[in-house]
Amino acid sequence: MTARFTRALDMLSETGLYRPWLYVLLSTVVFLASFRIDARPAFLARHIALSGLLYVAPLPLIAPSVEFRYTIWLFEAMVVAVALMVVALRESRA
């Protein structure tokens, strides 16, 4: 079972899920979209997304090939920011 799980993770590592640029793009979209919604969750999403972006900003200067483990806060910040944006969208519609 461990071997199958390891193979599955190896296959996933070849997809875009392990590429930091995807999360930079999503965080940037959340950051920009949060300005259009006037709600507290959007404000929080903006700052969390910015936190993730600023965390990885110096990486191109420090490490020419960025590994996923160096961008883990970007991933976590993007997930939280997206969740907050969903809440903000629901609040703005109500």
PDB file of N, CA and C in Angstrom:
ATOM      1  N   MET A   1       0.824  -1.188   0.000  1.00  0.00           N
ATOM      2  CA  MET A   1       0.000   0.000   0.000  1.00  0.00           C
ATOM      3  C   MET A   1       0.874   1.260   0.000  1.00  0.00           C
ATOM      4  N   THR A   2       1.968   1.237   0.736  1.00  0.00           N
ATOM      5  CA  THR A   2       2.874   2.381   0.768  1.00  0.00           C
ATOM      6  C   THR A   2       3.480   2.631  -0.604  1.00  0.00           C
ATOM      7  N   ALA A   3       3.819   1.560  -1.305  1.00  0.00           N
ATOM      8  CA  ALA A   3       4.400   1.703  -2.641  1.00  0.00           C
ATOM      9  C   ALA A   3       3.404   2.344  -3.600  1.00  0.00           C
ATOM     10  N   ARG A   4       2.134   1.963  -3.514  1.00  0.00           N
ATOM     11  CA  ARG A   4       1.107   2.571  -4.379  1.00  0.00           C
ATOM     12  C   ARG A   4       0.929   4.052  -4.047  1.00  0.00           C
ATOM     13  N   PHE A   5       0.925   4.360  -2.771  1.00  0.00           N
ATOM     14  CA  PHE A   5       0.782   5.750  -2.355  1.00  0.00           C
ATOM     15  C   PHE A   5       1.969   6.582  -2.837  1.00  0.00           C
ATOM     16  N   THR A   6       3.160   6.029  -2.735  1.00  0.00           N
ATOM     17  CA  THR A   6       4.367   6.718  -3.192  1.00  0.00           C
ATOM     18  C   THR A   6       4.321   6.937  -4.701  1.00  0.00           C
ATOM     19  N   ARG A   7       3.876   5.942  -5.449  1.00  0.00           N
ATOM     20  CA  ARG A   7       3.747   6.095  -6.903  1.00  0.00           C
ATOM     21  C   ARG A   7       2.733   7.176  -7.246  1.00  0.00           C
ATOM     22  N   ALA A   8       1.624   7.212  -6.511  1.00  0.00           N
ATOM     23  CA  ALA A   8       0.604   8.232  -6.756  1.00  0.00           C
ATOM     24  C   ALA A   8       1.165   9.629  -6.495  1.00  0.00           C
ATOM     25  N   LEU A   9       1.923   9.779  -5.421  1.00  0.00           N
ATOM     26  CA  LEU A   9       2.540  11.080  -5.142  1.00  0.00           C
ATOM     27  C   LEU A   9       3.577  11.447  -6.194  1.00  0.00           C
ATOM     28  N   ASP A  10       4.317  10.457  -6.679  1.00  0.00           N
ATOM     29  CA  ASP A  10       5.287  10.714  -7.743  1.00  0.00           C
ATOM     30  C   ASP A  10       4.585  11.177  -9.017  1.00  0.00           C
ATOM     31  N   MET A  11       3.444  10.574  -9.318  1.00  0.00           N
ATOM     32  CA  MET A  11       2.688  10.991 -10.504  1.00  0.00           C
ATOM     33  C   MET A  11       2.151  12.412 -10.320  1.00  0.00           C
ATOM     34  N   LEU A  12       1.696  12.729  -9.114  1.00  0.00           N
ATOM     35  CA  LEU A  12       1.204  14.079  -8.846  1.00  0.00           C
ATOM     36  C   LEU A  12       2.309  15.119  -8.938  1.00  0.00           C
ATOM     37  N   SER A  13       3.525  14.719  -8.605  1.00  0.00           N
ATOM     38  CA  SER A  13       4.630  15.677  -8.642  1.00  0.00           C
ATOM     39  C   SER A  13       4.948  16.123 -10.063  1.00  0.00           C
ATOM     40  N   GLU A  14       4.501  15.383 -11.038  1.00  0.00           N
ATOM     41  CA  GLU A  14       4.721  15.768 -12.432  1.00  0.00           C
ATOM     42  C   GLU A  14       3.629  16.704 -12.952  1.00  0.00           C
ATOM     43  N   THR A  15       2.584  16.913 -12.175  1.00  0.00           N
ATOM     44  CA  THR A  15       1.502  17.797 -12.594  1.00  0.00           C
ATOM     45  C   THR A  15       1.777  19.214 -12.108  1.00  0.00           C
ATOM     46  N   GLY A  16       0.864  20.114 -12.398  1.00  0.00           N
ATOM     47  CA  GLY A  16       1.007  21.498 -11.986  1.00  0.00           C
ATOM     48  C   GLY A  16       0.777  21.738 -10.510  1.00  0.00           C
ATOM     49  N   LEU A  17       0.301  20.727  -9.778  1.00  0.00           N
ATOM     50  CA  LEU A  17       0.025  20.920  -8.357  1.00  0.00           C
ATOM     51  C   LEU A  17       1.270  21.227  -7.544  1.00  0.00           C
ATOM     52  N   TYR A  18       2.410  20.840  -8.026  1.00  0.00           N
ATOM     53  CA  TYR A  18       3.656  21.080  -7.293  1.00  0.00           C
ATOM     54  C   TYR A  18       4.460  22.235  -7.891  1.00  0.00           C
ATOM     55  N   ARG A  19       3.818  23.056  -8.675  1.00  0.00           N
ATOM     56  CA  ARG A  19       4.493  24.203  -9.276  1.00  0.00           C
ATOM     57  C   ARG A  19       4.086  25.479  -8.543  1.00  0.00           C
ATOM     58  N   PRO A  20       5.033  26.181  -7.956  1.00  0.00           N
ATOM     59  CA  PRO A  20       4.698  27.390  -7.180  1.00  0.00           C
ATOM     60  C   PRO A  20       4.031  28.491  -7.996  1.00  0.00           C
ATOM     61  N   TRP A  21       4.304  28.573  -9.291  1.00  0.00           N
ATOM     62  CA  TRP A  21       3.733  29.661 -10.088  1.00  0.00           C
ATOM     63  C   TRP A  21       2.210  29.596 -10.088  1.00  0.00           C
ATOM     64  N   LEU A  22       1.639  28.404  -9.989  1.00  0.00           N
ATOM     65  CA  LEU A  22       0.188  28.260  -9.947  1.00  0.00           C
ATOM     66  C   LEU A  22      -0.381  28.965  -8.716  1.00  0.00           C
ATOM     67  N   TYR A  23       0.268  28.804  -7.580  1.00  0.00           N
ATOM     68  CA  TYR A  23      -0.199  29.413  -6.342  1.00  0.00           C
ATOM     69  C   TYR A  23       0.094  30.906  -6.302  1.00  0.00           C
ATOM     70  N   VAL A  24       1.161  31.327  -6.948  1.00  0.00           N
ATOM     71  CA  VAL A  24       1.431  32.767  -7.080  1.00  0.00           C
ATOM     72  C   VAL A  24       0.320  33.404  -7.905  1.00  0.00           C
ATOM     73  N   LEU A  25      -0.063  32.752  -8.979  1.00  0.00           N
ATOM     74  CA  LEU A  25      -1.130  33.266  -9.836  1.00  0.00           C
ATOM     75  C   LEU A  25      -2.458  33.333  -9.082  1.00  0.00           C
ATOM     76  N   LEU A  26      -2.818  32.259  -8.395  1.00  0.00           N
ATOM     77  CA  LEU A  26      -4.079  32.242  -7.652  1.00  0.00           C
ATOM     78  C   LEU A  26      -4.091  33.267  -6.523  1.00  0.00           C
ATOM     79  N   SER A  27      -2.981  33.407  -5.825  1.00  0.00           N
ATOM     80  CA  SER A  27      -2.902  34.400  -4.747  1.00  0.00           C
ATOM     81  C   SER A  27      -3.009  35.817  -5.301  1.00  0.00           C
ATOM     82  N   THR A  28      -2.419  36.049  -6.446  1.00  0.00           N
ATOM     83  CA  THR A  28      -2.514  37.363  -7.080  1.00  0.00           C
ATOM     84  C   THR A  28      -3.949  37.662  -7.488  1.00  0.00           C
ATOM     85  N   VAL A  29      -4.637  36.674  -8.026  1.00  0.00           N
ATOM     86  CA  VAL A  29      -6.045  36.851  -8.402  1.00  0.00           C
ATOM     87  C   VAL A  29      -6.893  37.163  -7.170  1.00  0.00           C
ATOM     88  N   VAL A  30      -6.678  36.418  -6.095  1.00  0.00           N
ATOM     89  CA  VAL A  30      -7.425  36.671  -4.857  1.00  0.00           C
ATOM     90  C   VAL A  30      -7.109  38.071  -4.337  1.00  0.00           C
ATOM     91  N   PHE A  31      -5.840  38.447  -4.347  1.00  0.00           N
ATOM     92  CA  PHE A  31      -5.441  39.767  -3.860  1.00  0.00           C
ATOM     93  C   PHE A  31      -6.145  40.868  -4.652  1.00  0.00           C
ATOM     94  N   LEU A  32      -6.124  40.777  -5.967  1.00  0.00           N
ATOM     95  CA  LEU A  32      -6.740  41.811  -6.796  1.00  0.00           C
ATOM     96  C   LEU A  32      -8.261  41.800  -6.687  1.00  0.00           C
ATOM     97  N   ALA A  33      -8.855  40.612  -6.641  1.00  0.00           N
ATOM     98  CA  ALA A  33     -10.315  40.514  -6.555  1.00  0.00           C
ATOM     99  C   ALA A  33     -10.840  41.008  -5.216  1.00  0.00           C
ATOM    100  N   SER A  34     -10.044  40.923  -4.184  1.00  0.00           N
ATOM    101  CA  SER A  34     -10.512  41.323  -2.858  1.00  0.00           C
ATOM    102  C   SER A  34     -10.788  42.819  -2.769  1.00  0.00           C
ATOM    103  N   PHE A  35     -10.216  43.613  -3.653  1.00  0.00           N
ATOM    104  CA  PHE A  35     -10.467  45.047  -3.645  1.00  0.00           C
ATOM    105  C   PHE A  35     -11.880  45.382  -4.126  1.00  0.00           C
ATOM    106  N   ARG A  36     -12.511  44.457  -4.832  1.00  0.00           N
ATOM    107  CA  ARG A  36     -13.841  44.706  -5.375  1.00  0.00           C
ATOM    108  C   ARG A  36     -14.948  44.431  -4.371  1.00  0.00           C
ATOM    109  N   ILE A  37     -14.627  43.779  -3.277  1.00  0.00           N
ATOM    110  CA  ILE A  37     -15.634  43.405  -2.287  1.00  0.00           C
ATOM    111  C   ILE A  37     -15.364  44.176  -1.003  1.00  0.00           C
ATOM    112  N   ASP A  38     -16.391  44.833  -0.517  1.00  0.00           N
ATOM    113  CA  ASP A  38     -16.256  45.620   0.709  1.00  0.00           C
ATOM    114  C   ASP A  38     -16.809  44.812   1.883  1.00  0.00           C
ATOM    115  N   ALA A  39     -16.014  43.863   2.330  1.00  0.00           N
ATOM    116  CA  ALA A  39     -16.409  43.027   3.471  1.00  0.00           C
ATOM    117  C   ALA A  39     -15.152  42.671   4.249  1.00  0.00           C
ATOM    118  N   ARG A  40     -15.317  42.424   5.517  1.00  0.00           N
ATOM    119  CA  ARG A  40     -14.178  42.086   6.378  1.00  0.00           C
ATOM    120  C   ARG A  40     -13.436  40.833   5.899  1.00  0.00           C
ATOM    121  N   PRO A  41     -14.135  39.755   5.493  1.00  0.00           N
ATOM    122  CA  PRO A  41     -13.393  38.579   5.008  1.00  0.00           C
ATOM    123  C   PRO A  41     -12.540  38.875   3.770  1.00  0.00           C
ATOM    124  N   ALA A  42     -12.983  39.766   2.905  1.00  0.00           N
ATOM    125  CA  ALA A  42     -12.183  40.135   1.732  1.00  0.00           C
ATOM    126  C   ALA A  42     -10.927  40.887   2.155  1.00  0.00           C
ATOM    127  N   PHE A  43     -11.068  41.754   3.147  1.00  0.00           N
ATOM    128  CA  PHE A  43      -9.919  42.466   3.695  1.00  0.00           C
ATOM    129  C   PHE A  43      -8.899  41.479   4.256  1.00  0.00           C
ATOM    130  N   LEU A  44      -9.383  40.488   5.006  1.00  0.00           N
ATOM    131  CA  LEU A  44      -8.487  39.469   5.568  1.00  0.00           C
ATOM    132  C   LEU A  44      -7.859  38.620   4.472  1.00  0.00           C
ATOM    133  N   ALA A  45      -8.647  38.259   3.468  1.00  0.00           N
ATOM    134  CA  ALA A  45      -8.125  37.454   2.346  1.00  0.00           C
ATOM    135  C   ALA A  45      -7.019  38.205   1.619  1.00  0.00           C
ATOM    136  N   ARG A  46      -7.215  39.507   1.437  1.00  0.00           N
ATOM    137  CA  ARG A  46      -6.211  40.339   0.765  1.00  0.00           C
ATOM    138  C   ARG A  46      -4.882  40.297   1.507  1.00  0.00           C
ATOM    139  N   HIS A  47      -4.939  40.419   2.806  1.00  0.00           N
ATOM    140  CA  HIS A  47      -3.703  40.461   3.580  1.00  0.00           C
ATOM    141  C   HIS A  47      -3.043  39.083   3.711  1.00  0.00           C
ATOM    142  N   ILE A  48      -3.822  38.052   3.784  1.00  0.00           N
ATOM    143  CA  ILE A  48      -3.239  36.706   3.850  1.00  0.00           C
ATOM    144  C   ILE A  48      -2.610  36.341   2.511  1.00  0.00           C
ATOM    145  N   ALA A  49      -3.297  36.663   1.414  1.00  0.00           N
ATOM    146  CA  ALA A  49      -2.719  36.393   0.090  1.00  0.00           C
ATOM    147  C   ALA A  49      -1.432  37.190  -0.101  1.00  0.00           C
ATOM    148  N   LEU A  50      -1.441  38.438   0.316  1.00  0.00           N
ATOM    149  CA  LEU A  50      -0.234  39.262   0.217  1.00  0.00           C
ATOM    150  C   LEU A  50       0.890  38.689   1.068  1.00  0.00           C
ATOM    151  N   SER A  51       0.554  38.156   2.224  1.00  0.00           N
ATOM    152  CA  SER A  51       1.550  37.530   3.084  1.00  0.00           C
ATOM    153  C   SER A  51       2.245  36.371   2.368  1.00  0.00           C
ATOM    154  N   GLY A  52       1.463  35.525   1.710  1.00  0.00           N
ATOM    155  CA  GLY A  52       2.045  34.410   0.960  1.00  0.00           C
ATOM    156  C   GLY A  52       2.915  34.888  -0.191  1.00  0.00           C
ATOM    157  N   LEU A  53       2.456  35.931  -0.884  1.00  0.00           N
ATOM    158  CA  LEU A  53       3.233  36.463  -2.008  1.00  0.00           C
ATOM    159  C   LEU A  53       4.549  37.092  -1.537  1.00  0.00           C
ATOM    160  N   LEU A  54       4.492  37.829  -0.448  1.00  0.00           N
ATOM    161  CA  LEU A  54       5.718  38.441   0.066  1.00  0.00           C
ATOM    162  C   LEU A  54       6.688  37.404   0.615  1.00  0.00           C
ATOM    163  N   TYR A  55       6.160  36.304   1.105  1.00  0.00           N
ATOM    164  CA  TYR A  55       7.016  35.232   1.628  1.00  0.00           C
ATOM    165  C   TYR A  55       7.887  34.631   0.524  1.00  0.00           C
ATOM    166  N   VAL A  56       7.320  34.486  -0.666  1.00  0.00           N
ATOM    167  CA  VAL A  56       8.082  33.861  -1.749  1.00  0.00           C
ATOM    168  C   VAL A  56       8.767  34.871  -2.660  1.00  0.00           C
ATOM    169  N   ALA A  57       8.536  36.159  -2.443  1.00  0.00           N
ATOM    170  CA  ALA A  57       9.120  37.183  -3.313  1.00  0.00           C
ATOM    171  C   ALA A  57      10.642  37.095  -3.433  1.00  0.00           C
ATOM    172  N   PRO A  58      11.395  36.876  -2.354  1.00  0.00           N
ATOM    173  CA  PRO A  58      12.851  36.826  -2.506  1.00  0.00           C
ATOM    174  C   PRO A  58      13.394  35.487  -3.024  1.00  0.00           C
ATOM    175  N   LEU A  59      12.547  34.484  -3.160  1.00  0.00           N
ATOM    176  CA  LEU A  59      13.046  33.162  -3.552  1.00  0.00           C
ATOM    177  C   LEU A  59      13.755  33.130  -4.908  1.00  0.00           C
ATOM    178  N   PRO A  60      13.284  33.840  -5.930  1.00  0.00           N
ATOM    179  CA  PRO A  60      14.032  33.798  -7.196  1.00  0.00           C
ATOM    180  C   PRO A  60      15.463  34.327  -7.067  1.00  0.00           C
ATOM    181  N   LEU A  61      15.697  35.220  -6.121  1.00  0.00           N
ATOM    182  CA  LEU A  61      17.049  35.736  -5.913  1.00  0.00           C
ATOM    183  C   LEU A  61      17.915  34.780  -5.100  1.00  0.00           C
ATOM    184  N   ILE A  62      17.267  34.045  -4.187  1.00  0.00           N
ATOM    185  CA  ILE A  62      17.999  33.166  -3.282  1.00  0.00           C
ATOM    186  C   ILE A  62      18.241  31.786  -3.894  1.00  0.00           C
ATOM    187  N   ALA A  63      17.197  31.221  -4.468  1.00  0.00           N
ATOM    188  CA  ALA A  63      17.288  29.849  -5.003  1.00  0.00           C
ATOM    189  C   ALA A  63      16.809  29.846  -6.449  1.00  0.00           C
ATOM    190  N   PRO A  64      17.691  29.528  -7.392  1.00  0.00           N
ATOM    191  CA  PRO A  64      17.306  29.534  -8.806  1.00  0.00           C
ATOM    192  C   PRO A  64      16.205  28.522  -9.138  1.00  0.00           C
ATOM    193  N   SER A  65      16.193  27.388  -8.457  1.00  0.00           N
ATOM    194  CA  SER A  65      15.126  26.410  -8.680  1.00  0.00           C
ATOM    195  C   SER A  65      14.361  26.245  -7.374  1.00  0.00           C
ATOM    196  N   VAL A  66      13.199  26.825  -7.338  1.00  0.00           N
ATOM    197  CA  VAL A  66      12.404  26.836  -6.117  1.00  0.00           C
ATOM    198  C   VAL A  66      11.711  25.485  -5.950  1.00  0.00           C
ATOM    199  N   GLU A  67      11.874  24.901  -4.796  1.00  0.00           N
ATOM    200  CA  GLU A  67      11.211  23.642  -4.494  1.00  0.00           C
ATOM    201  C   GLU A  67       9.903  23.915  -3.770  1.00  0.00           C
ATOM    202  N   PHE A  68       9.014  22.947  -3.829  1.00  0.00           N
ATOM    203  CA  PHE A  68       7.701  23.093  -3.214  1.00  0.00           C
ATOM    204  C   PHE A  68       7.796  23.327  -1.712  1.00  0.00           C
ATOM    205  N   ARG A  69       8.764  22.721  -1.077  1.00  0.00           N
ATOM    206  CA  ARG A  69       8.863  22.851   0.386  1.00  0.00           C
ATOM    207  C   ARG A  69       9.173  24.278   0.818  1.00  0.00           C
ATOM    208  N   TYR A  70       9.776  25.076  -0.050  1.00  0.00           N
ATOM    209  CA  TYR A  70      10.059  26.471   0.292  1.00  0.00           C
ATOM    210  C   TYR A  70       8.848  27.368   0.107  1.00  0.00           C
ATOM    211  N   THR A  71       7.829  26.860  -0.558  1.00  0.00           N
ATOM    212  CA  THR A  71       6.653  27.677  -0.848  1.00  0.00           C
ATOM    213  C   THR A  71       5.420  27.196  -0.091  1.00  0.00           C
ATOM    214  N   ILE A  72       5.597  26.422   0.939  1.00  0.00           N
ATOM    215  CA  ILE A  72       4.451  25.835   1.633  1.00  0.00           C
ATOM    216  C   ILE A  72       3.559  26.908   2.255  1.00  0.00           C
ATOM    217  N   TRP A  73       4.127  28.012   2.764  1.00  0.00           N
ATOM    218  CA  TRP A  73       3.273  29.061   3.317  1.00  0.00           C
ATOM    219  C   TRP A  73       2.437  29.713   2.224  1.00  0.00           C
ATOM    220  N   LEU A  74       2.988  29.840   1.033  1.00  0.00           N
ATOM    221  CA  LEU A  74       2.216  30.390  -0.086  1.00  0.00           C
ATOM    222  C   LEU A  74       0.994  29.523  -0.343  1.00  0.00           C
ATOM    223  N   PHE A  75       1.179  28.216  -0.342  1.00  0.00           N
ATOM    224  CA  PHE A  75       0.064  27.304  -0.571  1.00  0.00           C
ATOM    225  C   PHE A  75      -0.984  27.437   0.532  1.00  0.00           C
ATOM    226  N   GLU A  76      -0.545  27.416   1.766  1.00  0.00           N
ATOM    227  CA  GLU A  76      -1.484  27.521   2.890  1.00  0.00           C
ATOM    228  C   GLU A  76      -2.199  28.867   2.886  1.00  0.00           C
ATOM    229  N   ALA A  77      -1.472  29.933   2.624  1.00  0.00           N
ATOM    230  CA  ALA A  77      -2.079  31.262   2.588  1.00  0.00           C
ATOM    231  C   ALA A  77      -3.103  31.360   1.463  1.00  0.00           C
ATOM    232  N   MET A  78      -2.800  30.753   0.316  1.00  0.00           N
ATOM    233  CA  MET A  78      -3.734  30.783  -0.800  1.00  0.00           C
ATOM    234  C   MET A  78      -5.021  30.039  -0.459  1.00  0.00           C
ATOM    235  N   VAL A  79      -4.916  28.895   0.201  1.00  0.00           N
ATOM    236  CA  VAL A  79      -6.109  28.131   0.579  1.00  0.00           C
ATOM    237  C   VAL A  79      -6.975  28.932   1.546  1.00  0.00           C
ATOM    238  N   VAL A  80      -6.371  29.543   2.546  1.00  0.00           N
ATOM    239  CA  VAL A  80      -7.121  30.341   3.525  1.00  0.00           C
ATOM    240  C   VAL A  80      -7.726  31.568   2.843  1.00  0.00           C
ATOM    241  N   ALA A  81      -6.971  32.215   1.980  1.00  0.00           N
ATOM    242  CA  ALA A  81      -7.467  33.411   1.294  1.00  0.00           C
ATOM    243  C   ALA A  81      -8.650  33.075   0.385  1.00  0.00           C
ATOM    244  N   VAL A  82      -8.588  31.960  -0.294  1.00  0.00           N
ATOM    245  CA  VAL A  82      -9.703  31.550  -1.159  1.00  0.00           C
ATOM    246  C   VAL A  82     -10.938  31.259  -0.300  1.00  0.00           C
ATOM    247  N   ALA A  83     -10.752  30.589   0.813  1.00  0.00           N
ATOM    248  CA  ALA A  83     -11.879  30.306   1.703  1.00  0.00           C
ATOM    249  C   ALA A  83     -12.507  31.605   2.216  1.00  0.00           C
ATOM    250  N   LEU A  84     -11.675  32.560   2.571  1.00  0.00           N
ATOM    251  CA  LEU A  84     -12.191  33.847   3.037  1.00  0.00           C
ATOM    252  C   LEU A  84     -12.913  34.601   1.919  1.00  0.00           C
ATOM    253  N   MET A  85     -12.431  34.480   0.704  1.00  0.00           N
ATOM    254  CA  MET A  85     -13.090  35.133  -0.417  1.00  0.00           C
ATOM    255  C   MET A  85     -14.457  34.511  -0.676  1.00  0.00           C
ATOM    256  N   VAL A  86     -14.580  33.216  -0.482  1.00  0.00           N
ATOM    257  CA  VAL A  86     -15.899  32.579  -0.632  1.00  0.00           C
ATOM    258  C   VAL A  86     -16.867  33.143   0.408  1.00  0.00           C
ATOM    259  N   VAL A  87     -16.394  33.291   1.639  1.00  0.00           N
ATOM    260  CA  VAL A  87     -17.221  33.886   2.693  1.00  0.00           C
ATOM    261  C   VAL A  87     -17.567  35.325   2.342  1.00  0.00           C
ATOM    262  N   ALA A  88     -16.606  36.068   1.833  1.00  0.00           N
ATOM    263  CA  ALA A  88     -16.842  37.473   1.468  1.00  0.00           C
ATOM    264  C   ALA A  88     -17.873  37.573   0.347  1.00  0.00           C
ATOM    265  N   LEU A  89     -17.789  36.677  -0.615  1.00  0.00           N
ATOM    266  CA  LEU A  89     -18.770  36.693  -1.712  1.00  0.00           C
ATOM    267  C   LEU A  89     -20.168  36.389  -1.192  1.00  0.00           C
ATOM    268  N   ARG A  90     -20.270  35.452  -0.288  1.00  0.00           N
ATOM    269  CA  ARG A  90     -21.589  35.128   0.287  1.00  0.00           C
ATOM    270  C   ARG A  90     -22.128  36.310   1.096  1.00  0.00           C
ATOM    271  N   GLU A  91     -21.262  36.977   1.838  1.00  0.00           N
ATOM    272  CA  GLU A  91     -21.699  38.137   2.613  1.00  0.00           C
ATOM    273  C   GLU A  91     -22.127  39.285   1.716  1.00  0.00           C
ATOM    274  N   SER A  92     -21.421  39.493   0.616  1.00  0.00           N
ATOM    275  CA  SER A  92     -21.750  40.611  -0.272  1.00  0.00           C
ATOM    276  C   SER A  92     -23.051  40.362  -1.021  1.00  0.00           C
ATOM    277  N   ARG A  93     -23.401  39.109  -1.243  1.00  0.00           N
ATOM    278  CA  ARG A  93     -24.673  38.804  -1.917  1.00  0.00           C
ATOM    279  C   ARG A  93     -25.856  38.909  -0.980  1.00  0.00           C
ATOM    280  N   ALA A  94     -25.593  38.767   0.309  1.00  0.00           N
ATOM    281  CA  ALA A  94     -26.697  38.799   1.281  1.00  0.00           C
ATOM    282  C   ALA A  94     -27.081  40.218   1.672  1.00  0.00           C
TER     283      ALA A  94
END
